[in-house]
């Protein structure tokens, strides 16, 4: 690999990791931000929601925008927007300014993922693209893992503006390297924008539909879902816009996203499996930190480091998978094992008890890392197999949007499912707290005596003991609901497993590879 390719790989992966870190780094800082800016936690959560909405709106449009403005121009501009808005976030004087800056940051960040992948693919010939997929897949795994760790360290030792300002030197370096080393494709040198018709109806329906859907997924739990008029309104808007968008994109001659490429079976199947992967990856990463902090007493930093074993395994395994696919091993094999490892991850994690030590979660996290590695690399590669070079940017941006939506669904469904299961488990446990039951009476008596021994007034000791038992019931109910969440991830992968066999497994012959390579350059 020559020097220029090394620089491009480092640049685009760094930019992608920077974008992915910002999807999760704020999660551990909400309390400090709300206290500093004098806002409630619920209002401050808009810092996360605004970024996610902007991100998921812009990602599917990156193929069109790169074609309209030129890929290098669009990519460089997006890095600049992301960097400047990061500075605005870190220096925001109030919550409103911070939310607006985060939305703009999400617009800039949305391009970094899809366009980085497109540049990386274009840098390598088709036979070497599985390795490029592996390198990019490492960034996809590292970003969400580093986010909570880095956020925890910053919050524990510094202050929240640094979680945004840390992007500034990285963004400046990425912009310089992009300007210097990323070359324009031949068709970028003579763009005739007058001949490119802008699909305004498609853009408006896409932005409205995806934005409304993301809002429903992000805020549904806190708004009590369809009991809220606002959630019902946004749900109708999302359905109307997305259905209208799909119909319009098939009938218009200049679609903002060419959905006709979904006729390619490999792309359709890989997108379904990518959605499932996003669901499992983001859903499990959401459950784990909350579980270990709420039940086992981890600090935010400890919770972040608890995700490291899975990330290290994925980083180690991904290049091996990339080389194996490059050597001709069918991706289907890895996808099957990826599903198996994710199922094992959910099952083994669901066996946790309140007494488990830090080492218990190492094996489930290793399973998660193996599953992520064996799904990310083959699915990225399979999503573009059989597509013409001009269709690849659309396929890549569509695949990345599907992964983000899978993650959004994963978090939203986990939130609702865990809350529902909590009340089911609590009701079951409370039903067993019968005053006439000998075991319960002995437990209450022992707890009351312990309270008296600790100096509590005997007249109040019984009431304090009941509160302590209630706290134990609450803790156990939450633990059981989180463990149910891990089992739901396993069940989701089991139900979706038949779609694996929609993937084509036939090897691409050398003549086809040469033909695609020549057309790509």
Protein backbone atom coordinates (compact mmCIF):
# COMPACT_ATOMS: atom_id res chain seq x y z
CA UNK A 1 0.00 0.00 0.00
CA UNK A 2 1.58 3.32 -1.09
CA UNK A 3 1.90 6.41 1.11
CA UNK A 4 -1.09 8.22 -0.39
CA UNK A 5 -3.40 5.25 0.22
CA UNK A 6 -2.18 5.00 3.83
CA UNK A 7 -2.97 8.68 4.42
CA UNK A 8 -6.42 8.36 2.81
CA UNK A 9 -7.23 5.29 4.92
CA UNK A 10 -6.18 7.05 8.12
CA UNK A 11 -8.07 10.22 7.16
CA UNK A 12 -11.41 8.68 6.27
CA UNK A 13 -11.42 6.19 9.15
CA UNK A 14 -10.50 8.96 11.62
CA UNK A 15 -13.33 11.13 10.28
CA UNK A 16 -15.81 8.25 10.50
CA UNK A 17 -14.72 7.39 14.06
CA UNK A 18 -15.02 11.06 15.05
CA UNK A 19 -18.61 11.11 13.78
CA UNK A 20 -19.53 7.84 15.48
CA UNK A 21 -17.96 8.90 18.78
CA UNK A 22 -20.23 11.94 18.82
CA UNK A 23 -23.33 9.74 18.59
CA UNK A 24 -22.63 8.33 22.06
CA UNK A 25 -20.11 10.56 23.86
CA UNK A 26 -22.81 12.98 25.06
CA UNK A 27 -24.84 10.24 26.79
CA UNK A 28 -22.70 10.28 29.95
CA UNK A 29 -22.58 14.10 30.10
CA UNK A 30 -26.29 14.95 30.26
CA UNK A 31 -26.35 15.52 34.04
CA UNK A 32 -23.39 17.90 33.96
CA UNK A 33 -24.71 19.78 30.90
CA UNK A 34 -28.19 20.17 32.43
CA UNK A 35 -26.73 21.44 35.71
CA UNK A 36 -24.37 23.86 33.98
CA UNK A 37 -26.99 25.29 31.62
CA UNK A 38 -29.85 25.24 34.15
CA UNK A 39 -32.07 22.82 32.22
CA UNK A 40 -33.84 19.56 33.05
CA UNK A 41 -32.42 16.20 31.97
CA UNK A 42 -35.43 15.69 29.68
CA UNK A 43 -34.81 19.02 27.91
CA UNK A 44 -31.08 18.36 27.74
CA UNK A 45 -31.72 15.02 26.01
CA UNK A 46 -32.53 17.11 22.91
CA UNK A 47 -28.75 17.46 22.56
CA UNK A 48 -28.74 13.77 21.62
CA UNK A 49 -32.02 13.80 19.69
CA UNK A 50 -31.12 16.80 17.51
CA UNK A 51 -27.86 15.19 16.39
CA UNK A 52 -29.55 11.85 15.65
CA UNK A 53 -32.35 13.44 13.62
CA UNK A 54 -29.97 15.55 11.50
CA UNK A 55 -27.66 12.56 11.05
CA UNK A 56 -30.32 10.16 9.84
CA UNK A 57 -31.86 12.79 7.50
CA UNK A 58 -28.60 13.62 5.73
CA UNK A 59 -27.07 10.11 5.47
CA UNK A 60 -29.36 8.78 2.69
CA UNK A 61 -28.85 11.98 0.66
CA UNK A 62 -25.05 11.84 0.66
CA UNK A 63 -24.91 9.98 -2.65
CA UNK A 64 -26.87 12.72 -4.44
CA UNK A 65 -25.07 15.58 -2.67
CA UNK A 66 -21.67 14.11 -3.48
CA UNK A 67 -22.68 13.85 -7.14
CA UNK A 68 -24.10 17.40 -7.23
CA UNK A 69 -21.24 19.22 -5.48
CA UNK A 70 -18.44 16.77 -6.21
CA UNK A 71 -17.46 14.15 -3.67
CA UNK A 72 -14.25 15.83 -2.49
CA UNK A 73 -15.92 19.25 -2.17
CA UNK A 74 -18.87 17.80 -0.27
CA UNK A 75 -16.66 15.72 2.01
CA UNK A 76 -14.30 18.59 2.79
CA UNK A 77 -17.19 20.99 3.42
CA UNK A 78 -18.84 18.47 5.73
CA UNK A 79 -15.64 18.14 7.80
CA UNK A 80 -15.46 21.94 8.09
CA UNK A 81 -19.14 22.16 9.12
CA UNK A 82 -18.66 19.41 11.70
CA UNK A 83 -15.54 21.09 13.13
CA UNK A 84 -17.02 24.60 13.33
CA UNK A 85 -20.26 23.34 14.87
CA UNK A 86 -18.21 21.34 17.41
CA UNK A 87 -16.64 24.63 18.52
CA UNK A 88 -20.13 26.19 18.71
CA UNK A 89 -21.33 23.27 20.87
CA UNK A 90 -18.41 23.56 23.27
CA UNK A 91 -18.96 27.29 23.70
CA UNK A 92 -22.78 27.35 23.74
CA UNK A 93 -24.08 29.80 26.39
CA UNK A 94 -27.50 28.13 26.68
CA UNK A 95 -29.36 24.95 25.81
CA UNK A 96 -31.14 26.35 22.73
CA UNK A 97 -27.82 27.33 21.13
CA UNK A 98 -26.34 23.94 22.00
CA UNK A 99 -29.26 22.04 20.44
CA UNK A 100 -29.08 24.10 17.22
CA UNK A 101 -25.30 23.63 17.03
CA UNK A 102 -25.73 19.88 17.56
CA UNK A 103 -28.27 19.71 14.71
CA UNK A 104 -25.79 21.44 12.39
CA UNK A 105 -23.05 19.12 13.65
CA UNK A 106 -25.28 16.16 12.74
CA UNK A 107 -25.71 17.53 9.20
CA UNK A 108 -21.93 17.75 8.79
CA UNK A 109 -21.34 14.40 10.48
CA UNK A 110 -23.84 12.52 8.34
CA UNK A 111 -21.59 12.80 5.30
CA UNK A 112 -18.49 11.60 7.12
CA UNK A 113 -19.75 8.03 7.43
CA UNK A 114 -21.07 7.28 3.93
CA UNK A 115 -18.63 9.44 1.98
CA UNK A 116 -15.67 8.10 3.96
CA UNK A 117 -16.70 4.60 2.97
CA UNK A 118 -17.18 5.62 -0.67
CA UNK A 119 -13.72 7.23 -0.82
CA UNK A 120 -12.17 4.17 0.80
CA UNK A 121 -13.83 1.81 -1.68
CA UNK A 122 -12.75 3.94 -4.61
CA UNK A 123 -9.15 3.95 -3.37
CA UNK A 124 -8.92 0.15 -3.66
CA UNK A 125 -9.52 -2.14 -6.61
CA UNK A 126 -12.53 -4.50 -6.25
CA UNK A 127 -10.41 -7.55 -5.25
CA UNK A 128 -9.05 -5.59 -2.27
CA UNK A 129 -12.35 -4.04 -1.17
CA UNK A 130 -13.07 -6.71 1.48
CA UNK A 131 -9.94 -5.50 3.30
CA UNK A 132 -11.16 -1.92 2.90
CA UNK A 133 -14.47 -3.06 4.39
CA UNK A 134 -12.56 -4.56 7.32
CA UNK A 135 -10.66 -1.34 7.95
CA UNK A 136 -13.85 0.70 7.81
CA UNK A 137 -15.71 -1.85 9.92
CA UNK A 138 -13.09 -1.40 12.64
CA UNK A 139 -14.03 2.27 12.76
CA UNK A 140 -17.73 1.41 13.02
CA UNK A 141 -17.01 -0.76 16.07
CA UNK A 142 -14.42 1.50 17.70
CA UNK A 143 -16.48 4.71 17.49
CA UNK A 144 -19.52 3.74 19.59
CA UNK A 145 -17.22 1.93 22.05
CA UNK A 146 -14.80 4.82 22.53
CA UNK A 147 -17.65 7.33 22.96
CA UNK A 148 -18.82 6.31 26.47
CA UNK A 149 -15.22 5.68 27.64
CA UNK A 150 -13.93 9.04 26.41
CA UNK A 151 -17.06 10.81 27.67
CA UNK A 152 -16.72 9.20 31.10
CA UNK A 153 -13.04 10.15 31.40
CA UNK A 154 -13.71 13.74 30.34
CA UNK A 155 -16.69 14.17 32.68
CA UNK A 156 -14.85 12.56 35.60
CA UNK A 157 -11.71 14.68 35.18
CA UNK A 158 -12.58 17.80 33.15
CA UNK A 159 -15.81 19.51 32.03
CA UNK A 160 -18.43 18.84 29.35
CA UNK A 161 -17.32 21.43 26.71
CA UNK A 162 -14.20 19.31 26.09
CA UNK A 163 -16.33 16.47 24.64
CA UNK A 164 -17.03 18.83 21.72
CA UNK A 165 -13.81 20.86 21.60
CA UNK A 166 -11.73 17.69 21.30
CA UNK A 167 -13.05 17.42 17.71
CA UNK A 168 -11.48 20.72 16.65
CA UNK A 169 -7.81 19.69 16.18
CA UNK A 170 -8.89 16.33 14.70
CA UNK A 171 -11.25 18.08 12.28
CA UNK A 172 -8.60 20.59 11.20
CA UNK A 173 -6.12 17.78 10.52
CA UNK A 174 -8.73 15.74 8.62
CA UNK A 175 -9.66 18.77 6.50
CA UNK A 176 -6.00 19.43 5.64
CA UNK A 177 -5.31 15.80 4.70
CA UNK A 178 -8.52 15.61 2.64
CA UNK A 179 -7.64 18.80 0.74
CA UNK A 180 -4.08 17.57 0.14
CA UNK A 181 -4.39 13.85 -0.57
CA UNK A 182 -7.96 12.97 -1.62
CA UNK A 183 -8.17 13.28 -5.39
CA UNK A 184 -11.17 14.37 -7.37
CA UNK A 185 -12.74 11.72 -9.57
CA UNK A 186 -12.69 12.55 -13.31
CA UNK A 187 -16.41 13.35 -13.35
CA UNK A 188 -15.92 15.87 -10.52
CA UNK A 189 -13.68 18.08 -12.66
CA UNK A 190 -16.50 19.04 -15.05
CA UNK A 191 -19.76 18.91 -13.11
CA UNK A 192 -22.65 20.36 -15.09
CA UNK A 193 -25.01 21.21 -12.23
CA UNK A 194 -27.60 22.57 -14.65
CA UNK A 195 -28.04 19.07 -16.05
CA UNK A 196 -28.57 17.60 -12.56
CA UNK A 197 -32.15 18.17 -11.55
CA UNK A 198 -32.75 18.44 -7.83
CA UNK A 199 -35.48 16.17 -6.51
CA UNK A 200 -37.08 18.72 -4.17
CA UNK A 201 -40.24 16.65 -3.44
CA UNK A 202 -38.10 13.61 -2.65
CA UNK A 203 -35.75 15.58 -0.38
CA UNK A 204 -38.67 17.17 1.52
CA UNK A 205 -40.52 13.88 1.98
CA UNK A 206 -37.33 12.07 3.01
CA UNK A 207 -36.37 14.75 5.54
CA UNK A 208 -39.91 14.95 6.91
CA UNK A 209 -40.43 11.19 7.07
CA UNK A 210 -37.07 10.16 8.50
CA UNK A 211 -36.95 13.14 10.85
CA UNK A 212 -40.43 12.41 12.20
CA UNK A 213 -39.68 8.69 12.54
CA UNK A 214 -36.43 9.41 14.39
CA UNK A 215 -38.28 11.76 16.74
CA UNK A 216 -40.87 9.07 17.50
CA UNK A 217 -38.15 6.53 18.22
CA UNK A 218 -36.08 8.91 20.35
CA UNK A 219 -38.92 10.44 22.39
CA UNK A 220 -41.58 7.73 22.31
CA UNK A 221 -40.71 6.24 25.69
CA UNK A 222 -40.58 9.55 27.57
CA UNK A 223 -43.83 10.70 25.91
CA UNK A 224 -45.65 7.42 26.71
CA UNK A 225 -45.82 6.54 23.02
CA UNK A 226 -49.28 6.72 21.41
CA UNK A 227 -50.87 8.16 24.54
CA UNK A 228 -49.22 11.40 23.39
CA UNK A 229 -50.89 13.52 20.71
CA UNK A 230 -47.45 14.67 19.57
CA UNK A 231 -46.19 11.11 19.03
CA UNK A 232 -49.39 10.20 17.14
CA UNK A 233 -49.01 13.27 14.93
CA UNK A 234 -45.37 12.55 14.13
CA UNK A 235 -46.17 8.87 13.48
CA UNK A 236 -48.80 9.82 10.89
CA UNK A 237 -46.39 12.35 9.36
CA UNK A 238 -43.62 9.73 9.18
CA UNK A 239 -45.91 7.17 7.52
CA UNK A 240 -47.32 9.68 5.03
CA UNK A 241 -43.92 11.09 4.03
CA UNK A 242 -42.06 7.77 3.82
CA UNK A 243 -44.77 6.02 1.79
CA UNK A 244 -44.99 9.07 -0.47
CA UNK A 245 -41.20 9.15 -0.78
CA UNK A 246 -40.97 5.50 -1.84
CA UNK A 247 -43.71 5.90 -4.47
CA UNK A 248 -42.21 9.15 -5.76
CA UNK A 249 -38.65 7.81 -6.02
CA UNK A 250 -39.84 4.98 -8.25
CA UNK A 251 -41.76 7.22 -10.65
CA UNK A 252 -39.49 10.27 -10.90
CA UNK A 253 -36.70 10.31 -13.47
CA UNK A 254 -34.25 12.11 -11.14
CA UNK A 255 -34.56 10.47 -7.70
CA UNK A 256 -32.51 11.75 -4.76
CA UNK A 257 -32.05 8.06 -3.83
CA UNK A 258 -32.32 5.52 -6.60
CA UNK A 259 -34.42 2.87 -4.85
CA UNK A 260 -34.40 0.78 -8.01
CA UNK A 261 -31.03 -0.58 -6.91
CA UNK A 262 -32.90 -2.55 -4.24
CA UNK A 263 -33.92 -4.90 -7.05
CA UNK A 264 -30.40 -6.28 -6.60
CA UNK A 265 -31.04 -9.19 -4.23
CA UNK A 266 -27.70 -8.89 -2.46
CA UNK A 267 -28.30 -5.24 -1.54
CA UNK A 268 -31.85 -5.91 -0.31
CA UNK A 269 -30.76 -8.90 1.78
CA UNK A 270 -27.67 -7.19 3.18
CA UNK A 271 -29.77 -4.17 4.20
CA UNK A 272 -32.21 -6.38 6.11
CA UNK A 273 -29.30 -8.06 7.89
CA UNK A 274 -27.61 -4.69 8.46
CA UNK A 275 -30.79 -3.46 10.18
CA UNK A 276 -30.68 -6.52 12.45
CA UNK A 277 -26.98 -5.91 13.17
CA UNK A 278 -27.69 -2.27 14.07
CA UNK A 279 -30.50 -3.40 16.34
CA UNK A 280 -28.26 -5.87 18.17
CA UNK A 281 -25.16 -3.68 18.34
CA UNK A 282 -26.79 -0.45 19.52
CA UNK A 283 -29.37 -2.27 21.65
CA UNK A 284 -26.74 -4.23 23.58
CA UNK A 285 -24.45 -1.22 23.96
CA UNK A 286 -27.46 0.69 25.33
CA UNK A 287 -28.43 -1.99 27.88
CA UNK A 288 -25.00 -2.85 29.23
CA UNK A 289 -23.89 0.54 30.68
CA UNK A 290 -27.30 1.15 32.26
CA UNK A 291 -27.38 -2.33 33.78
CA UNK A 292 -23.91 -2.25 35.32
CA UNK A 293 -24.31 1.31 36.65
CA UNK A 294 -27.84 0.89 37.99
CA UNK A 295 -27.55 -2.63 39.43
CA UNK A 296 -23.84 -3.36 39.95
CA UNK A 297 -22.62 0.11 40.93
CA UNK A 298 -20.18 0.79 38.08
CA UNK A 299 -18.97 4.36 37.46
CA UNK A 300 -19.49 5.83 33.95
CA UNK A 301 -15.81 5.23 33.19
CA UNK A 302 -15.98 1.62 34.43
CA UNK A 303 -19.08 1.02 32.32
CA UNK A 304 -17.30 2.37 29.25
CA UNK A 305 -14.25 0.17 29.82
CA UNK A 306 -16.58 -2.82 30.21
CA UNK A 307 -17.23 -2.59 26.47
CA UNK A 308 -13.54 -2.76 25.60
CA UNK A 309 -13.16 -6.59 25.37
CA UNK A 310 -15.73 -6.77 22.58
CA UNK A 311 -14.12 -3.88 20.70
CA UNK A 312 -10.62 -5.38 20.97
CA UNK A 313 -11.83 -8.74 19.65
CA UNK A 314 -13.62 -7.06 16.73
CA UNK A 315 -10.56 -4.96 15.84
CA UNK A 316 -8.35 -8.06 15.86
CA UNK A 317 -10.76 -10.27 13.89
CA UNK A 318 -11.95 -7.84 11.20
CA UNK A 319 -8.72 -7.74 9.15
CA UNK A 320 -8.59 -11.55 9.25
CA UNK A 321 -12.15 -11.71 7.91
CA UNK A 322 -11.31 -9.14 5.24
CA UNK A 323 -8.32 -11.17 4.03
CA UNK A 324 -10.37 -14.38 4.10
CA UNK A 325 -13.13 -12.91 1.92
CA UNK A 326 -10.48 -11.40 -0.34
CA UNK A 327 -9.02 -14.91 -0.71
CA UNK A 328 -12.39 -16.24 -1.84
CA UNK A 329 -14.06 -17.55 1.32
CA UNK A 330 -17.86 -17.07 0.98
CA UNK A 331 -19.21 -14.19 3.16
CA UNK A 332 -22.25 -16.34 3.98
CA UNK A 333 -20.12 -18.43 6.37
CA UNK A 334 -19.17 -15.36 8.42
CA UNK A 335 -22.72 -14.03 8.46
CA UNK A 336 -24.02 -17.35 9.84
CA UNK A 337 -21.38 -17.39 12.58
CA UNK A 338 -22.02 -13.70 13.25
CA UNK A 339 -25.66 -14.46 14.00
CA UNK A 340 -24.66 -17.39 16.20
CA UNK A 341 -22.25 -15.26 18.23
CA UNK A 342 -24.84 -12.49 18.70
CA UNK A 343 -27.35 -15.09 19.90
CA UNK A 344 -24.74 -16.42 22.34
CA UNK A 345 -23.99 -12.84 23.47
CA UNK A 346 -27.61 -12.22 24.42
CA UNK A 347 -28.01 -15.60 26.11
CA UNK A 348 -24.82 -15.51 28.19
CA UNK A 349 -25.38 -11.89 29.26
CA UNK A 350 -28.91 -12.82 30.39
CA UNK A 351 -27.43 -15.20 33.00
CA UNK A 352 -26.10 -12.32 35.16
CA UNK A 353 -27.04 -12.09 38.85
CA UNK A 354 -26.66 -9.21 41.36
CA UNK A 355 -23.56 -10.95 42.75
CA UNK A 356 -21.56 -11.27 39.49
CA UNK A 357 -18.13 -9.67 39.34
CA UNK A 358 -16.60 -7.50 36.63
CA UNK A 359 -15.16 -10.54 34.85
CA UNK A 360 -18.60 -12.10 34.21
CA UNK A 361 -19.33 -9.87 31.21
CA UNK A 362 -16.01 -10.51 29.44
CA UNK A 363 -17.31 -13.63 27.63
CA UNK A 364 -20.62 -12.00 26.49
CA UNK A 365 -18.64 -8.98 25.27
CA UNK A 366 -16.24 -11.25 23.36
CA UNK A 367 -19.25 -12.90 21.71
CA UNK A 368 -20.58 -9.44 20.80
CA UNK A 369 -17.24 -8.44 19.31
CA UNK A 370 -17.03 -11.62 17.24
CA UNK A 371 -20.62 -11.21 16.06
CA UNK A 372 -20.10 -7.58 15.11
CA UNK A 373 -16.88 -8.35 13.20
CA UNK A 374 -18.38 -11.28 11.32
CA UNK A 375 -21.44 -9.29 10.27
CA UNK A 376 -20.05 -5.80 9.60
CA UNK A 377 -17.28 -6.69 7.13
CA UNK A 378 -19.20 -9.21 4.95
CA UNK A 379 -22.37 -7.08 4.87
CA UNK A 380 -20.51 -3.90 3.87
CA UNK A 381 -18.84 -5.86 1.09
CA UNK A 382 -22.01 -7.65 -0.01
CA UNK A 383 -24.05 -4.44 -0.18
CA UNK A 384 -22.10 -3.28 -3.26
CA UNK A 385 -21.55 -6.62 -5.00
CA UNK A 386 -23.05 -6.60 -8.49
CA UNK A 387 -23.70 -2.84 -8.54
CA UNK A 388 -22.44 -0.43 -11.17
CA UNK A 389 -19.85 2.08 -9.84
CA UNK A 390 -22.31 4.98 -10.18
CA UNK A 391 -24.80 3.14 -7.96
CA UNK A 392 -22.35 2.44 -5.15
CA UNK A 393 -22.69 5.83 -3.37
CA UNK A 394 -26.48 5.36 -3.22
CA UNK A 395 -26.09 1.80 -1.91
CA UNK A 396 -23.53 2.81 0.71
CA UNK A 397 -25.57 5.76 2.00
CA UNK A 398 -28.73 3.64 2.06
CA UNK A 399 -26.94 0.87 3.98
CA UNK A 400 -25.57 3.33 6.54
CA UNK A 401 -29.02 4.85 7.05
CA UNK A 402 -30.48 1.36 7.57
CA UNK A 403 -27.81 0.62 10.20
CA UNK A 404 -28.59 3.88 12.01
CA UNK A 405 -32.33 3.18 11.89
CA UNK A 406 -31.72 -0.34 13.16
CA UNK A 407 -29.82 1.16 16.07
CA UNK A 408 -32.58 3.70 16.73
CA UNK A 409 -35.19 0.93 16.69
CA UNK A 410 -32.98 -1.15 18.96
CA UNK A 411 -32.66 1.57 21.59
CA UNK A 412 -36.34 2.58 21.41
CA UNK A 413 -37.62 -1.00 21.59
CA UNK A 414 -35.23 -1.84 24.42
CA UNK A 415 -36.38 1.21 26.37
CA UNK A 416 -40.04 0.29 26.04
CA UNK A 417 -39.53 -3.45 26.51
CA UNK A 418 -37.43 -3.05 29.65
CA UNK A 419 -39.92 -0.62 31.16
CA UNK A 420 -42.80 -3.04 30.43
CA UNK A 421 -40.93 -6.06 31.76
CA UNK A 422 -39.98 -4.13 34.91
CA UNK A 423 -43.63 -3.74 35.91
CA UNK A 424 -44.36 -7.38 35.07
CA UNK A 425 -41.50 -8.61 37.26
CA UNK A 426 -42.29 -6.16 40.05
CA UNK A 427 -45.93 -7.25 40.13
CA UNK A 428 -44.86 -10.91 40.28
CA UNK A 429 -42.35 -10.29 43.06
CA UNK A 430 -44.67 -8.11 45.14
CA UNK A 431 -47.37 -10.78 44.88
CA UNK A 432 -45.03 -13.08 46.81
CA UNK A 433 -44.57 -10.61 49.67
CA UNK A 434 -47.35 -12.03 51.83
CA UNK A 435 -47.37 -11.02 55.50
CA UNK A 436 -48.60 -14.52 56.40
CA UNK A 437 -45.67 -16.15 54.59
CA UNK A 438 -43.14 -17.50 57.10
CA UNK A 439 -40.08 -16.79 54.95
CA UNK A 440 -41.14 -13.17 54.31
CA UNK A 441 -41.93 -12.64 58.02
CA UNK A 442 -38.46 -13.91 58.96
CA UNK A 443 -36.80 -11.67 56.35
CA UNK A 444 -38.74 -8.62 57.60
CA UNK A 445 -37.92 -9.44 61.20
CA UNK A 446 -34.21 -9.86 60.45
CA UNK A 447 -34.08 -6.64 58.47
CA UNK A 448 -35.92 -4.73 61.23
CA UNK A 449 -33.51 -6.05 63.87
CA UNK A 450 -30.60 -5.01 61.69
CA UNK A 451 -32.01 -1.49 61.44
CA UNK A 452 -32.37 -1.29 65.23
CA UNK A 453 -28.80 -2.55 65.65
CA UNK A 454 -27.66 0.29 63.38
CA UNK A 455 -29.25 2.84 65.71
CA UNK A 456 -32.64 3.41 64.07
CA UNK A 457 -35.56 4.10 66.38
CA UNK A 458 -37.39 0.78 67.03
CA UNK A 459 -40.71 2.50 66.25
CA UNK A 460 -39.44 3.45 62.79
CA UNK A 461 -37.30 0.37 62.13
CA UNK A 462 -40.16 -1.69 60.67
CA UNK A 463 -41.06 1.05 58.17
CA UNK A 464 -37.40 1.48 57.16
CA UNK A 465 -37.08 -2.31 56.78
CA UNK A 466 -40.11 -2.38 54.46
CA UNK A 467 -38.55 0.38 52.36
CA UNK A 468 -35.30 -1.60 52.20
CA UNK A 469 -37.18 -4.70 51.01
CA UNK A 470 -39.03 -2.56 48.46
CA UNK A 471 -35.66 -1.29 47.22
CA UNK A 472 -34.44 -4.86 46.85
CA UNK A 473 -37.59 -5.73 44.87
CA UNK A 474 -37.04 -2.72 42.63
CA UNK A 475 -33.40 -3.66 42.01
CA UNK A 476 -34.28 -7.27 41.25
CA UNK A 477 -37.12 -6.21 38.93
CA UNK A 478 -34.79 -3.95 36.96
CA UNK A 479 -32.13 -6.66 36.77
CA UNK A 480 -34.63 -9.21 35.43
CA UNK A 481 -35.98 -6.71 32.88
CA UNK A 482 -32.47 -5.92 31.57
CA UNK A 483 -31.70 -9.62 31.29
CA UNK A 484 -34.96 -10.03 29.33
CA UNK A 485 -33.63 -7.31 27.02
CA UNK A 486 -30.53 -9.39 26.25
CA UNK A 487 -32.75 -12.40 25.51
CA UNK A 488 -34.83 -10.23 23.16
CA UNK A 489 -31.68 -9.48 21.16
CA UNK A 490 -31.03 -13.22 20.81
CA UNK A 491 -34.66 -13.81 19.76
CA UNK A 492 -34.48 -10.99 17.19
CA UNK A 493 -31.44 -12.63 15.54
CA UNK A 494 -33.09 -16.06 15.58
CA UNK A 495 -36.25 -14.74 13.87
CA UNK A 496 -34.26 -12.80 11.24
CA UNK A 497 -31.83 -15.66 10.44
CA UNK A 498 -33.73 -16.97 7.34
CA UNK A 499 -32.82 -13.74 5.49
CA UNK A 500 -29.17 -14.84 5.56
CA UNK A 501 -29.87 -17.30 2.79
CA UNK A 502 -31.02 -14.53 0.45
CA UNK A 503 -27.36 -13.56 0.04
CA UNK A 504 -25.65 -14.72 -3.11
CA UNK A 505 -22.69 -16.97 -2.41
CA UNK A 506 -21.36 -17.51 -5.90
CA UNK A 507 -17.75 -16.41 -6.29
CA UNK A 508 -17.03 -13.56 -8.70
CA UNK A 509 -14.71 -14.72 -11.44
CA UNK A 510 -11.52 -12.88 -12.38
CA UNK A 511 -12.94 -11.55 -15.65
CA UNK A 512 -15.86 -9.93 -13.85
CA UNK A 513 -13.55 -8.42 -11.23
CA UNK A 514 -11.34 -6.99 -14.00
CA UNK A 515 -14.35 -5.57 -15.83
CA UNK A 516 -15.72 -3.89 -12.69
CA UNK A 517 -12.25 -2.58 -11.85
CA UNK A 518 -11.84 -1.02 -15.30
CA UNK A 519 -15.30 0.60 -15.19
CA UNK A 520 -14.57 1.99 -11.72
CA UNK A 521 -11.49 3.83 -12.95
